[in-house]
């Protein structure tokens, strides 16, 4: 079995607990305006590898992953587009070394097609990009109903979730939407953490290298006080939902897709 990948990172520290091997898959159905990996969008890009070839890359570092409470995270692109390959890779990582497995996904996925993969996944890092359906489509090229169904399915099967939301001034920081995010997250019983990720421009050069116009040109990175205001709005939503034990809201300085 072969998968199409973009790249690998042997010392990831922001994509799940502990030190992690991070595998970036090729291909994505979304076209997020803030994506810092637009070179992962096309399924024709990257390179083909077998599960055994990826395992050979992981093996020299297994002791570091085990001692740190880390493991393997598969991201992208969108890893669920290659669910059978990722499922087999996860199963082998568990069988050989007992590694913790994390799936970093947009959630734009049919849960039925990902059942085998989710069965081999210990943690899902789920990106919730925008709560308003119309603005979500403008931001990503797709509506969010499928993503919300996927999130509810994860709760139904008891899969631990870390929610990620990228805070973009004037784009994803509307107070109403942030309160709705807090409410929605509180309704998902298996959410362990909500990461509020300040937008950054570190991937703009990739858009330029691909000859693409960057849609958020001129949008600034949020100031610390803007991040704190956003956190407060999310907490308001959690209070409205009446479930304050669902997740702890964190802020960090990096974001994924």
C-alpha atoms as a PDB file:
ATOM      1  CA  UNK A   1       0.000   0.000   0.000  1.00  0.00           C
ATOM      2  CA  UNK A   2       1.300   3.427  -0.962  1.00  0.00           C
ATOM      3  CA  UNK A   3       0.388   6.908   0.183  1.00  0.00           C
ATOM      4  CA  UNK A   4       1.198  10.286  -1.299  1.00  0.00           C
ATOM      5  CA  UNK A   5       2.984  12.521   1.187  1.00  0.00           C
ATOM      6  CA  UNK A   6       4.316  16.065   1.242  1.00  0.00           C
ATOM      7  CA  UNK A   7       6.990  15.899   3.964  1.00  0.00           C
ATOM      8  CA  UNK A   8       7.992  14.614   7.413  1.00  0.00           C
ATOM      9  CA  UNK A   9       9.118  16.183  10.692  1.00  0.00           C
ATOM     10  CA  UNK A  10      10.900  13.979  13.229  1.00  0.00           C
ATOM     11  CA  UNK A  11      10.686  16.429  16.169  1.00  0.00           C
ATOM     12  CA  UNK A  12       7.205  17.950  16.302  1.00  0.00           C
ATOM     13  CA  UNK A  13       6.141  19.593  19.560  1.00  0.00           C
ATOM     14  CA  UNK A  14       2.880  21.436  18.704  1.00  0.00           C
ATOM     15  CA  UNK A  15       0.749  18.682  17.127  1.00  0.00           C
ATOM     16  CA  UNK A  16      -0.320  16.647  20.127  1.00  0.00           C
ATOM     17  CA  UNK A  17       1.268  15.617  23.426  1.00  0.00           C
ATOM     18  CA  UNK A  18       5.001  15.049  23.798  1.00  0.00           C
ATOM     19  CA  UNK A  19       7.587  14.858  21.027  1.00  0.00           C
ATOM     20  CA  UNK A  20       6.074  13.550  17.807  1.00  0.00           C
ATOM     21  CA  UNK A  21       6.848  12.304  14.347  1.00  0.00           C
ATOM     22  CA  UNK A  22       4.679  14.446  12.066  1.00  0.00           C
ATOM     23  CA  UNK A  23       3.738  13.199   8.607  1.00  0.00           C
ATOM     24  CA  UNK A  24       2.239  15.691   6.137  1.00  0.00           C
ATOM     25  CA  UNK A  25      -0.059  14.019   3.619  1.00  0.00           C
ATOM     26  CA  UNK A  26      -0.731  15.376   0.144  1.00  0.00           C
ATOM     27  CA  UNK A  27      -4.186  16.504  -1.008  1.00  0.00           C
ATOM     28  CA  UNK A  28      -6.968  18.642   0.493  1.00  0.00           C
ATOM     29  CA  UNK A  29     -10.566  19.473  -0.452  1.00  0.00           C
ATOM     30  CA  UNK A  30     -10.461  22.874   1.260  1.00  0.00           C
ATOM     31  CA  UNK A  31      -8.798  26.018  -0.050  1.00  0.00           C
ATOM     32  CA  UNK A  32      -8.359  28.010   3.134  1.00  0.00           C
ATOM     33  CA  UNK A  33      -7.361  31.617   2.563  1.00  0.00           C
ATOM     34  CA  UNK A  34      -4.900  31.465   5.466  1.00  0.00           C
ATOM     35  CA  UNK A  35      -3.357  28.082   4.614  1.00  0.00           C
ATOM     36  CA  UNK A  36       0.395  28.014   5.112  1.00  0.00           C
ATOM     37  CA  UNK A  37       0.761  24.755   3.183  1.00  0.00           C
ATOM     38  CA  UNK A  38      -0.947  25.447  -0.186  1.00  0.00           C
ATOM     39  CA  UNK A  39       1.644  23.170  -1.761  1.00  0.00           C
ATOM     40  CA  UNK A  40      -0.183  20.237  -0.093  1.00  0.00           C
ATOM     41  CA  UNK A  41      -3.508  20.898  -1.856  1.00  0.00           C
ATOM     42  CA  UNK A  42      -2.999  18.906  -5.053  1.00  0.00           C
ATOM     43  CA  UNK A  43      -3.158  15.100  -4.944  1.00  0.00           C
ATOM     44  CA  UNK A  44      -0.685  15.119  -7.846  1.00  0.00           C
ATOM     45  CA  UNK A  45       2.053  16.688  -5.742  1.00  0.00           C
ATOM     46  CA  UNK A  46       4.438  15.218  -3.218  1.00  0.00           C
ATOM     47  CA  UNK A  47       5.897  11.739  -3.454  1.00  0.00           C
ATOM     48  CA  UNK A  48       4.657   8.177  -3.085  1.00  0.00           C
ATOM     49  CA  UNK A  49       5.839   6.100  -0.134  1.00  0.00           C
ATOM     50  CA  UNK A  50       4.957   2.747   1.402  1.00  0.00           C
ATOM     51  CA  UNK A  51       3.990   2.231   5.038  1.00  0.00           C
ATOM     52  CA  UNK A  52       7.279   0.400   5.573  1.00  0.00           C
ATOM     53  CA  UNK A  53       9.255   3.365   4.254  1.00  0.00           C
ATOM     54  CA  UNK A  54       7.547   5.694   6.731  1.00  0.00           C
ATOM     55  CA  UNK A  55       8.101   3.245   9.580  1.00  0.00           C
ATOM     56  CA  UNK A  56      11.814   3.146   8.728  1.00  0.00           C
ATOM     57  CA  UNK A  57      11.903   6.951   9.123  1.00  0.00           C
ATOM     58  CA  UNK A  58      10.174   6.732  12.521  1.00  0.00           C
ATOM     59  CA  UNK A  59      12.189   3.874  14.043  1.00  0.00           C
ATOM     60  CA  UNK A  60      15.428   5.750  14.949  1.00  0.00           C
ATOM     61  CA  UNK A  61      13.453   8.182  17.117  1.00  0.00           C
ATOM     62  CA  UNK A  62      10.978   5.853  18.806  1.00  0.00           C
ATOM     63  CA  UNK A  63      12.686   6.056  22.203  1.00  0.00           C
ATOM     64  CA  UNK A  64      12.301   9.868  22.228  1.00  0.00           C
ATOM     65  CA  UNK A  65       8.610   9.599  21.386  1.00  0.00           C
ATOM     66  CA  UNK A  66       8.001   6.958  24.031  1.00  0.00           C
ATOM     67  CA  UNK A  67       9.890   8.727  26.831  1.00  0.00           C
ATOM     68  CA  UNK A  68       8.186  12.075  26.164  1.00  0.00           C
ATOM     69  CA  UNK A  69       4.669  10.645  26.047  1.00  0.00           C
ATOM     70  CA  UNK A  70       4.556  11.539  22.358  1.00  0.00           C
ATOM     71  CA  UNK A  71       3.922   9.502  19.243  1.00  0.00           C
ATOM     72  CA  UNK A  72       2.929  10.082  15.633  1.00  0.00           C
ATOM     73  CA  UNK A  73       0.677  12.789  14.179  1.00  0.00           C
ATOM     74  CA  UNK A  74      -0.564  12.645  10.595  1.00  0.00           C
ATOM     75  CA  UNK A  75      -1.654  15.956   9.106  1.00  0.00           C
ATOM     76  CA  UNK A  76      -1.693  17.512   5.664  1.00  0.00           C
ATOM     77  CA  UNK A  77      -3.263  18.488   3.455  1.00  0.00           C
ATOM     78  CA  UNK A  78      -6.138  16.355   4.658  1.00  0.00           C
ATOM     79  CA  UNK A  79      -5.127  12.886   5.888  1.00  0.00           C
ATOM     80  CA  UNK A  80      -8.635  11.396   5.734  1.00  0.00           C
ATOM     81  CA  UNK A  81      -8.407  11.547   1.924  1.00  0.00           C
ATOM     82  CA  UNK A  82      -5.923   8.674   2.283  1.00  0.00           C
ATOM     83  CA  UNK A  83      -7.616   6.994   5.223  1.00  0.00           C
ATOM     84  CA  UNK A  84      -6.661   3.351   4.428  1.00  0.00           C
ATOM     85  CA  UNK A  85      -2.966   4.226   4.216  1.00  0.00           C
ATOM     86  CA  UNK A  86      -2.991   6.255   7.455  1.00  0.00           C
ATOM     87  CA  UNK A  87      -5.000   3.556   9.242  1.00  0.00           C
ATOM     88  CA  UNK A  88      -2.436   0.909   8.346  1.00  0.00           C
ATOM     89  CA  UNK A  89       0.419   3.186   9.395  1.00  0.00           C
ATOM     90  CA  UNK A  90      -1.239   3.868  12.758  1.00  0.00           C
ATOM     91  CA  UNK A  91      -1.891   0.175  13.382  1.00  0.00           C
ATOM     92  CA  UNK A  92       1.741  -0.684  12.687  1.00  0.00           C
ATOM     93  CA  UNK A  93       2.999   2.105  14.966  1.00  0.00           C
ATOM     94  CA  UNK A  94       0.843   0.722  17.749  1.00  0.00           C
ATOM     95  CA  UNK A  95       1.734  -2.922  17.099  1.00  0.00           C
ATOM     96  CA  UNK A  96       5.484  -2.378  16.893  1.00  0.00           C
ATOM     97  CA  UNK A  97       6.092   0.355  19.448  1.00  0.00           C
ATOM     98  CA  UNK A  98       2.827   1.183  21.231  1.00  0.00           C
ATOM     99  CA  UNK A  99       2.951   4.770  19.967  1.00  0.00           C
ATOM    100  CA  UNK A 100       0.184   7.283  20.620  1.00  0.00           C
ATOM    101  CA  UNK A 101      -1.553   8.236  17.348  1.00  0.00           C
ATOM    102  CA  UNK A 102      -3.042  11.634  16.495  1.00  0.00           C
ATOM    103  CA  UNK A 103      -4.983  12.704  13.408  1.00  0.00           C
ATOM    104  CA  UNK A 104      -4.906  16.412  12.482  1.00  0.00           C
ATOM    105  CA  UNK A 105      -7.981  16.954  10.292  1.00  0.00           C
ATOM    106  CA  UNK A 106     -10.269  19.636   8.907  1.00  0.00           C
ATOM    107  CA  UNK A 107     -13.144  17.242   9.561  1.00  0.00           C
ATOM    108  CA  UNK A 108     -14.374  17.568   5.968  1.00  0.00           C
ATOM    109  CA  UNK A 109     -14.905  13.854   5.858  1.00  0.00           C
ATOM    110  CA  UNK A 110     -17.562  11.138   5.762  1.00  0.00           C
ATOM    111  CA  UNK A 111     -17.169   9.299   9.104  1.00  0.00           C
ATOM    112  CA  UNK A 112     -18.147   6.021   7.455  1.00  0.00           C
ATOM    113  CA  UNK A 113     -15.179   6.201   5.110  1.00  0.00           C
ATOM    114  CA  UNK A 114     -12.843   6.920   8.013  1.00  0.00           C
ATOM    115  CA  UNK A 115     -14.117   4.281  10.463  1.00  0.00           C
ATOM    116  CA  UNK A 116     -11.031   2.069  10.249  1.00  0.00           C
ATOM    117  CA  UNK A 117      -8.753   5.078  10.613  1.00  0.00           C
ATOM    118  CA  UNK A 118     -10.621   6.459  13.620  1.00  0.00           C
ATOM    119  CA  UNK A 119     -10.461   3.052  15.273  1.00  0.00           C
ATOM    120  CA  UNK A 120      -6.648   3.273  15.151  1.00  0.00           C
ATOM    121  CA  UNK A 121      -6.567   6.934  16.258  1.00  0.00           C
ATOM    122  CA  UNK A 122      -6.048   7.951  19.901  1.00  0.00           C
ATOM    123  CA  UNK A 123      -6.614  11.705  19.467  1.00  0.00           C
ATOM    124  CA  UNK A 124      -8.173  13.941  16.800  1.00  0.00           C
ATOM    125  CA  UNK A 125      -6.904  17.493  16.359  1.00  0.00           C
ATOM    126  CA  UNK A 126      -9.940  19.084  14.730  1.00  0.00           C
ATOM    127  CA  UNK A 127      -9.837  22.468  12.985  1.00  0.00           C
ATOM    128  CA  UNK A 128     -12.996  24.553  13.396  1.00  0.00           C
ATOM    129  CA  UNK A 129     -12.287  27.502  11.157  1.00  0.00           C
ATOM    130  CA  UNK A 130     -15.498  29.574  11.141  1.00  0.00           C
ATOM    131  CA  UNK A 131     -18.927  29.012  12.730  1.00  0.00           C
ATOM    132  CA  UNK A 132     -20.968  31.018  10.206  1.00  0.00           C
ATOM    133  CA  UNK A 133     -21.760  28.785   7.209  1.00  0.00           C
ATOM    134  CA  UNK A 134     -21.549  31.506   4.572  1.00  0.00           C
ATOM    135  CA  UNK A 135     -18.313  32.988   5.883  1.00  0.00           C
ATOM    136  CA  UNK A 136     -16.889  29.493   6.258  1.00  0.00           C
ATOM    137  CA  UNK A 137     -17.480  28.853   2.564  1.00  0.00           C
ATOM    138  CA  UNK A 138     -15.865  32.146   1.579  1.00  0.00           C
ATOM    139  CA  UNK A 139     -12.879  31.366   3.814  1.00  0.00           C
ATOM    140  CA  UNK A 140     -12.367  27.719   2.844  1.00  0.00           C
ATOM    141  CA  UNK A 141     -14.324  27.053  -0.364  1.00  0.00           C
ATOM    142  CA  UNK A 142     -16.668  24.641   1.475  1.00  0.00           C
ATOM    143  CA  UNK A 143     -19.571  24.868   3.913  1.00  0.00           C
ATOM    144  CA  UNK A 144     -19.147  23.531   7.434  1.00  0.00           C
ATOM    145  CA  UNK A 145     -22.083  21.126   7.853  1.00  0.00           C
ATOM    146  CA  UNK A 146     -19.994  18.034   7.047  1.00  0.00           C
ATOM    147  CA  UNK A 147     -17.320  19.179   9.495  1.00  0.00           C
ATOM    148  CA  UNK A 148     -19.854  19.604  12.292  1.00  0.00           C
ATOM    149  CA  UNK A 149     -21.305  16.152  11.593  1.00  0.00           C
ATOM    150  CA  UNK A 150     -17.817  14.710  11.821  1.00  0.00           C
ATOM    151  CA  UNK A 151     -17.232  16.482  15.146  1.00  0.00           C
ATOM    152  CA  UNK A 152     -20.482  15.122  16.579  1.00  0.00           C
ATOM    153  CA  UNK A 153     -19.570  11.637  15.357  1.00  0.00           C
ATOM    154  CA  UNK A 154     -16.256  11.827  17.206  1.00  0.00           C
ATOM    155  CA  UNK A 155     -18.136  12.613  20.408  1.00  0.00           C
ATOM    156  CA  UNK A 156     -20.609   9.804  19.730  1.00  0.00           C
ATOM    157  CA  UNK A 157     -17.800   7.235  19.549  1.00  0.00           C
ATOM    158  CA  UNK A 158     -15.975   8.780  22.509  1.00  0.00           C
ATOM    159  CA  UNK A 159     -12.903   9.881  20.575  1.00  0.00           C
ATOM    160  CA  UNK A 160     -10.773  12.473  22.427  1.00  0.00           C
ATOM    161  CA  UNK A 161     -10.649  15.816  20.565  1.00  0.00           C
ATOM    162  CA  UNK A 162      -8.465  18.895  20.666  1.00  0.00           C
ATOM    163  CA  UNK A 163     -10.252  21.749  18.882  1.00  0.00           C
ATOM    164  CA  UNK A 164      -8.155  24.310  16.991  1.00  0.00           C
ATOM    165  CA  UNK A 165      -9.369  27.736  15.901  1.00  0.00           C
ATOM    166  CA  UNK A 166      -7.176  30.215  14.038  1.00  0.00           C
ATOM    167  CA  UNK A 167      -7.903  33.803  15.116  1.00  0.00           C
ATOM    168  CA  UNK A 168      -7.726  36.124  12.075  1.00  0.00           C
ATOM    169  CA  UNK A 169      -8.537  39.819  12.648  1.00  0.00           C
ATOM    170  CA  UNK A 170     -11.647  40.813  10.717  1.00  0.00           C
ATOM    171  CA  UNK A 171     -12.180  37.255   9.455  1.00  0.00           C
ATOM    172  CA  UNK A 172     -12.667  34.774  12.316  1.00  0.00           C
ATOM    173  CA  UNK A 173     -12.870  37.098  15.323  1.00  0.00           C
ATOM    174  CA  UNK A 174     -16.536  38.151  15.197  1.00  0.00           C
ATOM    175  CA  UNK A 175     -17.809  37.983  18.825  1.00  0.00           C
ATOM    176  CA  UNK A 176     -21.020  36.201  17.817  1.00  0.00           C
ATOM    177  CA  UNK A 177     -19.101  33.498  15.976  1.00  0.00           C
ATOM    178  CA  UNK A 178     -16.682  33.043  18.857  1.00  0.00           C
ATOM    179  CA  UNK A 179     -19.568  32.621  21.296  1.00  0.00           C
ATOM    180  CA  UNK A 180     -21.112  30.049  18.947  1.00  0.00           C
ATOM    181  CA  UNK A 181     -17.761  28.262  18.878  1.00  0.00           C
ATOM    182  CA  UNK A 182     -17.757  28.111  22.670  1.00  0.00           C
ATOM    183  CA  UNK A 183     -21.293  26.723  22.691  1.00  0.00           C
ATOM    184  CA  UNK A 184     -20.559  24.143  20.022  1.00  0.00           C
ATOM    185  CA  UNK A 185     -17.388  22.937  21.722  1.00  0.00           C
ATOM    186  CA  UNK A 186     -19.230  22.593  25.037  1.00  0.00           C
ATOM    187  CA  UNK A 187     -21.798  20.358  23.358  1.00  0.00           C
ATOM    188  CA  UNK A 188     -19.036  17.967  22.246  1.00  0.00           C
ATOM    189  CA  UNK A 189     -18.522  15.791  25.278  1.00  0.00           C
ATOM    190  CA  UNK A 190     -15.121  14.394  24.279  1.00  0.00           C
ATOM    191  CA  UNK A 191     -13.271  17.701  23.768  1.00  0.00           C
ATOM    192  CA  UNK A 192     -10.224  17.904  26.034  1.00  0.00           C
ATOM    193  CA  UNK A 193      -8.716  21.195  24.874  1.00  0.00           C
ATOM    194  CA  UNK A 194      -9.456  24.213  22.702  1.00  0.00           C
ATOM    195  CA  UNK A 195      -6.397  25.873  21.166  1.00  0.00           C
ATOM    196  CA  UNK A 196      -6.896  29.486  20.110  1.00  0.00           C
ATOM    197  CA  UNK A 197      -4.172  30.002  17.516  1.00  0.00           C
ATOM    198  CA  UNK A 198      -3.154  33.535  16.495  1.00  0.00           C
ATOM    199  CA  UNK A 199      -2.956  33.977  12.730  1.00  0.00           C
ATOM    200  CA  UNK A 200       0.496  34.461  11.232  1.00  0.00           C
ATOM    201  CA  UNK A 201       1.907  35.159   7.777  1.00  0.00           C
ATOM    202  CA  UNK A 202       4.799  32.691   7.702  1.00  0.00           C
ATOM    203  CA  UNK A 203       3.341  30.749   4.767  1.00  0.00           C
ATOM    204  CA  UNK A 204       2.842  33.711   2.413  1.00  0.00           C
ATOM    205  CA  UNK A 205       6.078  32.955   0.549  1.00  0.00           C
ATOM    206  CA  UNK A 206       4.626  29.575  -0.499  1.00  0.00           C
ATOM    207  CA  UNK A 207       1.671  31.274  -2.180  1.00  0.00           C
ATOM    208  CA  UNK A 208       4.108  33.536  -3.986  1.00  0.00           C
ATOM    209  CA  UNK A 209       6.290  30.598  -5.042  1.00  0.00           C
ATOM    210  CA  UNK A 210       3.220  28.875  -6.512  1.00  0.00           C
ATOM    211  CA  UNK A 211       2.210  32.032  -8.366  1.00  0.00           C
ATOM    212  CA  UNK A 212      -0.952  32.436  -6.273  1.00  0.00           C
ATOM    213  CA  UNK A 213      -2.436  35.679  -5.006  1.00  0.00           C
ATOM    214  CA  UNK A 214      -2.560  35.638  -1.210  1.00  0.00           C
ATOM    215  CA  UNK A 215      -6.206  36.396  -0.275  1.00  0.00           C
ATOM    216  CA  UNK A 216      -5.453  37.883   3.143  1.00  0.00           C
ATOM    217  CA  UNK A 217      -2.831  40.359   1.993  1.00  0.00           C
ATOM    218  CA  UNK A 218      -2.831  43.285   4.424  1.00  0.00           C
ATOM    219  CA  UNK A 219      -4.535  41.385   7.249  1.00  0.00           C
ATOM    220  CA  UNK A 220      -2.443  41.881  10.413  1.00  0.00           C
ATOM    221  CA  UNK A 221      -1.537  39.318  13.013  1.00  0.00           C
ATOM    222  CA  UNK A 222      -3.699  39.703  16.151  1.00  0.00           C
ATOM    223  CA  UNK A 223      -2.372  41.603  19.129  1.00  0.00           C
ATOM    224  CA  UNK A 224      -2.254  39.793  22.514  1.00  0.00           C
ATOM    225  CA  UNK A 225      -5.245  41.800  23.768  1.00  0.00           C
ATOM    226  CA  UNK A 226      -7.281  40.681  20.739  1.00  0.00           C
ATOM    227  CA  UNK A 227      -6.480  37.064  21.576  1.00  0.00           C
ATOM    228  CA  UNK A 228      -7.617  37.633  25.153  1.00  0.00           C
ATOM    229  CA  UNK A 229     -10.878  39.242  23.986  1.00  0.00           C
ATOM    230  CA  UNK A 230     -11.511  36.267  21.729  1.00  0.00           C
ATOM    231  CA  UNK A 231     -10.882  33.896  24.606  1.00  0.00           C
ATOM    232  CA  UNK A 232     -13.433  35.817  26.690  1.00  0.00           C
ATOM    233  CA  UNK A 233     -16.078  35.545  23.949  1.00  0.00           C
ATOM    234  CA  UNK A 234     -15.500  31.791  23.696  1.00  0.00           C
ATOM    235  CA  UNK A 235     -15.893  31.520  27.462  1.00  0.00           C
ATOM    236  CA  UNK A 236     -19.176  33.456  27.203  1.00  0.00           C
ATOM    237  CA  UNK A 237     -20.421  30.831  24.787  1.00  0.00           C
ATOM    238  CA  UNK A 238     -19.402  28.063  27.135  1.00  0.00           C
ATOM    239  CA  UNK A 239     -21.318  29.752  29.963  1.00  0.00           C
ATOM    240  CA  UNK A 240     -24.379  29.996  27.716  1.00  0.00           C
ATOM    241  CA  UNK A 241     -24.096  26.280  26.995  1.00  0.00           C
ATOM    242  CA  UNK A 242     -23.902  25.570  30.719  1.00  0.00           C
ATOM    243  CA  UNK A 243     -21.038  23.078  30.384  1.00  0.00           C
ATOM    244  CA  UNK A 244     -17.786  24.522  31.686  1.00  0.00           C
ATOM    245  CA  UNK A 245     -16.044  21.171  32.076  1.00  0.00           C
ATOM    246  CA  UNK A 246     -15.932  20.377  28.366  1.00  0.00           C
ATOM    247  CA  UNK A 247     -12.565  21.919  27.530  1.00  0.00           C
ATOM    248  CA  UNK A 248      -9.908  24.305  28.712  1.00  0.00           C
ATOM    249  CA  UNK A 249      -9.218  27.246  26.409  1.00  0.00           C
ATOM    250  CA  UNK A 250      -5.556  27.712  25.625  1.00  0.00           C
ATOM    251  CA  UNK A 251      -3.708  30.233  23.487  1.00  0.00           C
ATOM    252  CA  UNK A 252      -0.581  29.376  21.542  1.00  0.00           C
ATOM    253  CA  UNK A 253       1.557  30.958  18.858  1.00  0.00           C
ATOM    254  CA  UNK A 254       1.291  28.458  16.027  1.00  0.00           C
ATOM    255  CA  UNK A 255      -1.377  27.053  13.779  1.00  0.00           C
ATOM    256  CA  UNK A 256      -1.597  24.088  11.458  1.00  0.00           C
ATOM    257  CA  UNK A 257      -3.547  24.261   8.206  1.00  0.00           C
END
